[in-house]
Protein backbone atom coordinates (compact mmCIF):
# COMPACT_ATOMS: atom_id res chain seq x y z
CA UNK A 1 53.94 51.78 89.90
CA UNK A 2 54.47 50.62 93.36
CA UNK A 3 53.52 53.40 96.15
CA UNK A 4 53.39 51.52 99.13
CA UNK A 5 56.86 50.28 100.70
CA UNK A 6 55.00 46.77 101.58
CA UNK A 7 53.35 44.53 99.29
CA UNK A 8 51.90 41.20 100.25
CA UNK A 9 53.67 38.01 98.89
CA UNK A 10 49.95 36.96 97.57
CA UNK A 11 50.09 40.41 95.86
CA UNK A 12 53.39 39.58 94.41
CA UNK A 13 52.82 36.29 93.22
CA UNK A 14 49.63 37.36 91.51
CA UNK A 15 51.51 40.17 89.32
CA UNK A 16 54.36 37.75 88.43
CA UNK A 17 53.04 34.34 87.86
CA UNK A 18 52.74 34.25 83.83
CA UNK A 19 56.30 35.49 84.22
CA UNK A 20 57.71 32.91 86.73
CA UNK A 21 55.67 29.95 84.61
CA UNK A 22 57.20 31.46 81.28
CA UNK A 23 60.61 31.60 82.91
CA UNK A 24 60.33 27.86 84.52
CA UNK A 25 59.31 26.42 81.13
CA UNK A 26 62.22 28.61 79.38
CA UNK A 27 64.59 26.69 82.48
CA UNK A 28 63.17 23.42 81.57
CA UNK A 29 63.96 23.83 77.64
CA UNK A 30 67.04 24.75 78.38
CA UNK A 31 68.07 22.04 80.72
CA UNK A 32 66.69 19.72 78.17
CA UNK A 33 68.69 21.32 75.22
CA UNK A 34 72.12 21.47 77.51
CA UNK A 35 71.92 17.90 77.34
CA UNK A 36 71.26 17.28 73.63
CA UNK A 37 73.68 19.82 72.44
CA UNK A 38 77.67 19.34 72.31
CA UNK A 39 79.48 21.65 74.68
CA UNK A 40 81.58 23.53 72.03
CA UNK A 41 78.31 25.36 71.09
CA UNK A 42 77.46 26.08 74.37
CA UNK A 43 80.84 27.93 74.74
CA UNK A 44 80.22 30.01 71.64
CA UNK A 45 76.76 30.74 73.05
CA UNK A 46 78.29 31.92 76.60
CA UNK A 47 80.66 34.36 74.75
CA UNK A 48 77.60 36.12 72.79
CA UNK A 49 75.67 36.20 75.87
CA UNK A 50 77.99 38.12 77.39
CA UNK A 51 78.82 40.31 74.83
CA UNK A 52 75.12 41.00 73.97
CA UNK A 53 75.05 41.61 77.97
CA UNK A 54 77.34 44.17 78.07
CA UNK A 55 75.97 46.00 75.20
CA UNK A 56 72.56 45.86 76.66
CA UNK A 57 73.97 47.08 80.18
CA UNK A 58 75.68 50.32 78.12
CA UNK A 59 72.36 51.13 76.11
CA UNK A 60 70.47 50.69 79.68
CA UNK A 61 73.16 53.09 81.27
CA UNK A 62 72.94 55.78 78.53
CA UNK A 63 69.29 55.70 78.68
CA UNK A 64 69.41 55.98 82.41
CA UNK A 65 71.57 58.93 82.13
CA UNK A 66 69.07 60.86 79.43
CA UNK A 67 66.34 60.31 81.77
CA UNK A 68 68.01 61.94 84.76
CA UNK A 69 69.18 64.68 82.65
CA UNK A 70 65.64 65.45 81.36
CA UNK A 71 64.22 65.15 84.94
CA UNK A 72 67.00 67.56 86.14
CA UNK A 73 66.17 70.02 83.38
CA UNK A 74 62.41 69.97 84.58
CA UNK A 75 63.52 70.33 88.23
CA UNK A 76 65.46 73.25 87.58
CA UNK A 77 62.72 75.16 85.14
CA UNK A 78 60.13 74.39 87.73
CA UNK A 79 62.34 75.75 90.66
CA UNK A 80 62.95 78.67 88.34
CA UNK A 81 59.46 79.31 87.80
CA UNK A 82 58.80 78.87 91.98
CA UNK A 83 61.44 81.41 92.33
CA UNK A 84 59.82 84.02 89.81
CA UNK A 85 56.50 83.69 91.05
CA UNK A 86 57.71 84.62 94.59
CA UNK A 87 59.68 87.48 93.13
CA UNK A 88 56.94 88.76 90.96
CA UNK A 89 54.51 88.69 94.35
CA UNK A 90 56.95 90.61 95.94
CA UNK A 91 57.16 93.26 93.12
CA UNK A 92 53.69 93.76 93.03
CA UNK A 93 53.27 94.19 97.10
CA UNK A 94 56.21 96.79 96.80
CA UNK A 95 55.24 98.88 93.99
CA UNK A 96 51.45 99.26 94.60
CA UNK A 97 50.58 100.96 97.61
CA UNK A 98 48.37 98.73 99.51
CA UNK A 99 44.72 101.21 99.85
CA UNK A 100 41.40 100.20 99.44
CA UNK A 101 40.30 98.58 96.03
CA UNK A 102 44.15 98.03 95.30
CA UNK A 103 44.75 95.32 97.83
CA UNK A 104 42.10 93.22 96.01
CA UNK A 105 43.88 93.95 92.56
CA UNK A 106 47.13 92.63 94.18
CA UNK A 107 45.65 89.70 95.72
CA UNK A 108 43.96 89.03 92.50
CA UNK A 109 47.54 89.47 90.57
CA UNK A 110 49.32 86.76 93.26
CA UNK A 111 46.70 84.58 93.33
CA UNK A 112 46.87 84.54 89.56
CA UNK A 113 50.45 83.68 89.31
CA UNK A 114 49.94 81.14 91.72
CA UNK A 115 47.21 79.50 89.62
CA UNK A 116 49.45 79.39 86.88
């Protein structure tokens, strides 16, 4: 996870150099094979890659929507918990009269709810 908005070029290269080397090897092999293979086969491969790319885009889109839905449900649950905790604190303060030892009980109840 990236936690800063600025990343240095040397750090970026140190993270990505194995992938860059693999990509360069793949590109080199592709260029050599493109010269050796007949053009009709390459046309068929481009159709297949377009079809697979579209299918992959749909799958990633559905997965992204599911992740957002889970996040939204968690956000709603967290907001509801905050609201109920505030309501509980207000109810405890309203129902119990604050004299002497009872105010320590109010404080303890509210702090227990907050720590939950």
